């Protein structure tokens, strides 16, 4: 007599990350909704530099218009990181760039 072991699905879903860049906002809204509706409980919207305002706008409209009562902003983090850049004379230098993360969670 053989016994079958039921395998537990211990695979943890990774948190999907949406990096804000040059695309129009509707691309980010649709991608975020697709992530949340396809089994992901949490997504992270990330931006750096002058795209921080766009990330905040995308998250706000996602939560308050497109996924009303189905998602909420559950956390925000921000900071400054040093990255290697170039000055006017094409010499390498270290620059400080602001970053901003917004965590959006599906309401269950």
C-alpha atoms as a PDB file:
ATOM      1  CA  UNK A   1       0.000   0.000   0.000  1.00  0.00           C
ATOM      2  CA  UNK A   2       1.500   3.288  -1.064  1.00  0.00           C
ATOM      3  CA  UNK A   3       0.929   6.498   0.753  1.00  0.00           C
ATOM      4  CA  UNK A   4       0.989   9.785  -1.027  1.00  0.00           C
ATOM      5  CA  UNK A   5       2.386  12.793   0.658  1.00  0.00           C
ATOM      6  CA  UNK A   6       0.617  15.989  -0.048  1.00  0.00           C
ATOM      7  CA  UNK A   7       3.209  18.524  -0.972  1.00  0.00           C
ATOM      8  CA  UNK A   8       2.722  21.835   0.716  1.00  0.00           C
ATOM      9  CA  UNK A   9       3.122  24.801  -1.516  1.00  0.00           C
ATOM     10  CA  UNK A  10       5.779  26.594   0.469  1.00  0.00           C
ATOM     11  CA  UNK A  11       6.842  28.655  -2.481  1.00  0.00           C
ATOM     12  CA  UNK A  12       6.616  32.269  -1.393  1.00  0.00           C
ATOM     13  CA  UNK A  13       5.401  34.705  -4.003  1.00  0.00           C
ATOM     14  CA  UNK A  14       7.952  37.366  -4.689  1.00  0.00           C
ATOM     15  CA  UNK A  15       6.959  40.987  -4.384  1.00  0.00           C
ATOM     16  CA  UNK A  16       6.529  42.435  -7.851  1.00  0.00           C
ATOM     17  CA  UNK A  17       8.384  45.670  -8.494  1.00  0.00           C
ATOM     18  CA  UNK A  18       7.203  48.387 -10.832  1.00  0.00           C
ATOM     19  CA  UNK A  19       9.996  50.825 -11.697  1.00  0.00           C
ATOM     20  CA  UNK A  20       8.671  54.172 -12.919  1.00  0.00           C
ATOM     21  CA  UNK A  21      10.430  55.498 -16.009  1.00  0.00           C
ATOM     22  CA  UNK A  22       9.589  57.215 -19.295  1.00  0.00           C
ATOM     23  CA  UNK A  23       6.405  55.341 -20.237  1.00  0.00           C
ATOM     24  CA  UNK A  24       2.952  56.910 -19.969  1.00  0.00           C
ATOM     25  CA  UNK A  25       1.094  56.496 -16.676  1.00  0.00           C
ATOM     26  CA  UNK A  26      -1.599  54.224 -18.116  1.00  0.00           C
ATOM     27  CA  UNK A  27       1.056  51.569 -18.809  1.00  0.00           C
ATOM     28  CA  UNK A  28       1.999  51.539 -15.111  1.00  0.00           C
ATOM     29  CA  UNK A  29      -1.642  51.449 -13.950  1.00  0.00           C
ATOM     30  CA  UNK A  30      -2.454  48.501 -16.191  1.00  0.00           C
ATOM     31  CA  UNK A  31       0.691  46.623 -15.188  1.00  0.00           C
ATOM     32  CA  UNK A  32       0.048  47.196 -11.480  1.00  0.00           C
ATOM     33  CA  UNK A  33      -3.573  46.038 -11.777  1.00  0.00           C
ATOM     34  CA  UNK A  34      -2.453  42.935 -13.674  1.00  0.00           C
ATOM     35  CA  UNK A  35       0.083  42.096 -10.948  1.00  0.00           C
ATOM     36  CA  UNK A  36      -2.489  42.485  -8.185  1.00  0.00           C
ATOM     37  CA  UNK A  37      -5.243  40.583  -9.985  1.00  0.00           C
ATOM     38  CA  UNK A  38      -2.976  37.649 -10.898  1.00  0.00           C
ATOM     39  CA  UNK A  39      -2.323  36.481  -7.350  1.00  0.00           C
ATOM     40  CA  UNK A  40       0.234  38.957  -6.033  1.00  0.00           C
ATOM     41  CA  UNK A  41      -0.801  40.479  -2.728  1.00  0.00           C
ATOM     42  CA  UNK A  42       1.764  43.264  -2.752  1.00  0.00           C
ATOM     43  CA  UNK A  43       3.565  45.339  -5.350  1.00  0.00           C
ATOM     44  CA  UNK A  44       6.336  47.866  -4.887  1.00  0.00           C
ATOM     45  CA  UNK A  45       6.299  51.036  -6.990  1.00  0.00           C
ATOM     46  CA  UNK A  46       9.816  52.482  -7.176  1.00  0.00           C
ATOM     47  CA  UNK A  47      11.192  55.716  -8.566  1.00  0.00           C
ATOM     48  CA  UNK A  48      14.350  57.801  -8.472  1.00  0.00           C
ATOM     49  CA  UNK A  49      15.057  61.458  -9.044  1.00  0.00           C
ATOM     50  CA  UNK A  50      12.525  63.447 -11.009  1.00  0.00           C
ATOM     51  CA  UNK A  51      10.227  60.414 -11.465  1.00  0.00           C
ATOM     52  CA  UNK A  52       9.224  60.400  -7.771  1.00  0.00           C
ATOM     53  CA  UNK A  53       6.259  62.695  -8.442  1.00  0.00           C
ATOM     54  CA  UNK A  54       5.059  60.407 -11.217  1.00  0.00           C
ATOM     55  CA  UNK A  55       5.320  57.366  -8.928  1.00  0.00           C
ATOM     56  CA  UNK A  56       3.218  59.099  -6.279  1.00  0.00           C
ATOM     57  CA  UNK A  57       0.623  60.016  -8.901  1.00  0.00           C
ATOM     58  CA  UNK A  58       0.510  56.460 -10.287  1.00  0.00           C
ATOM     59  CA  UNK A  59       0.065  54.963  -6.800  1.00  0.00           C
ATOM     60  CA  UNK A  60      -2.608  57.474  -5.801  1.00  0.00           C
ATOM     61  CA  UNK A  61      -4.686  57.004  -8.945  1.00  0.00           C
ATOM     62  CA  UNK A  62      -4.248  53.220  -8.769  1.00  0.00           C
ATOM     63  CA  UNK A  63      -5.596  53.056  -5.215  1.00  0.00           C
ATOM     64  CA  UNK A  64      -8.221  55.817  -5.338  1.00  0.00           C
ATOM     65  CA  UNK A  65      -9.626  55.357  -8.830  1.00  0.00           C
ATOM     66  CA  UNK A  66      -8.734  52.174 -10.675  1.00  0.00           C
ATOM     67  CA  UNK A  67      -8.774  49.739  -7.739  1.00  0.00           C
ATOM     68  CA  UNK A  68     -11.109  51.579  -5.377  1.00  0.00           C
ATOM     69  CA  UNK A  69     -11.686  49.485  -2.213  1.00  0.00           C
ATOM     70  CA  UNK A  70      -9.506  46.683  -3.636  1.00  0.00           C
ATOM     71  CA  UNK A  71      -6.018  48.067  -2.862  1.00  0.00           C
ATOM     72  CA  UNK A  72      -4.374  50.410  -0.390  1.00  0.00           C
ATOM     73  CA  UNK A  73      -1.020  52.062   0.137  1.00  0.00           C
ATOM     74  CA  UNK A  74       0.546  50.122   2.977  1.00  0.00           C
ATOM     75  CA  UNK A  75       3.952  51.755   3.247  1.00  0.00           C
ATOM     76  CA  UNK A  76       6.429  54.250   1.892  1.00  0.00           C
ATOM     77  CA  UNK A  77      10.199  54.455   2.130  1.00  0.00           C
ATOM     78  CA  UNK A  78      12.580  57.071   0.831  1.00  0.00           C
ATOM     79  CA  UNK A  79      16.223  57.951   0.967  1.00  0.00           C
ATOM     80  CA  UNK A  80      19.298  59.057  -0.895  1.00  0.00           C
ATOM     81  CA  UNK A  81      21.803  56.806  -2.612  1.00  0.00           C
ATOM     82  CA  UNK A  82      25.152  57.550  -4.147  1.00  0.00           C
ATOM     83  CA  UNK A  83      25.657  56.506  -7.729  1.00  0.00           C
ATOM     84  CA  UNK A  84      28.523  56.937 -10.127  1.00  0.00           C
ATOM     85  CA  UNK A  85      27.893  59.651 -12.681  1.00  0.00           C
ATOM     86  CA  UNK A  86      29.753  62.014 -14.955  1.00  0.00           C
ATOM     87  CA  UNK A  87      30.399  65.727 -14.617  1.00  0.00           C
ATOM     88  CA  UNK A  88      30.524  68.321 -17.422  1.00  0.00           C
ATOM     89  CA  UNK A  89      34.028  67.272 -18.413  1.00  0.00           C
ATOM     90  CA  UNK A  90      33.040  63.575 -18.623  1.00  0.00           C
ATOM     91  CA  UNK A  91      35.003  62.738 -15.487  1.00  0.00           C
ATOM     92  CA  UNK A  92      33.499  60.168 -13.189  1.00  0.00           C
ATOM     93  CA  UNK A  93      32.082  61.455  -9.946  1.00  0.00           C
ATOM     94  CA  UNK A  94      29.700  60.298  -7.243  1.00  0.00           C
ATOM     95  CA  UNK A  95      26.214  61.827  -7.298  1.00  0.00           C
ATOM     96  CA  UNK A  96      23.440  61.652  -4.749  1.00  0.00           C
ATOM     97  CA  UNK A  97      20.049  60.596  -6.087  1.00  0.00           C
ATOM     98  CA  UNK A  98      16.796  60.499  -4.116  1.00  0.00           C
ATOM     99  CA  UNK A  99      14.694  57.326  -4.278  1.00  0.00           C
ATOM    100  CA  UNK A 100      11.134  56.610  -3.199  1.00  0.00           C
ATOM    101  CA  UNK A 101       9.307  53.286  -2.731  1.00  0.00           C
ATOM    102  CA  UNK A 102       5.548  52.918  -2.373  1.00  0.00           C
ATOM    103  CA  UNK A 103       4.098  49.587  -1.253  1.00  0.00           C
ATOM    104  CA  UNK A 104       0.593  48.848  -2.516  1.00  0.00           C
ATOM    105  CA  UNK A 105      -1.275  45.943  -0.960  1.00  0.00           C
ATOM    106  CA  UNK A 106      -4.399  44.171  -2.158  1.00  0.00           C
ATOM    107  CA  UNK A 107      -7.313  44.475   0.300  1.00  0.00           C
ATOM    108  CA  UNK A 108      -8.743  41.072   1.145  1.00  0.00           C
END
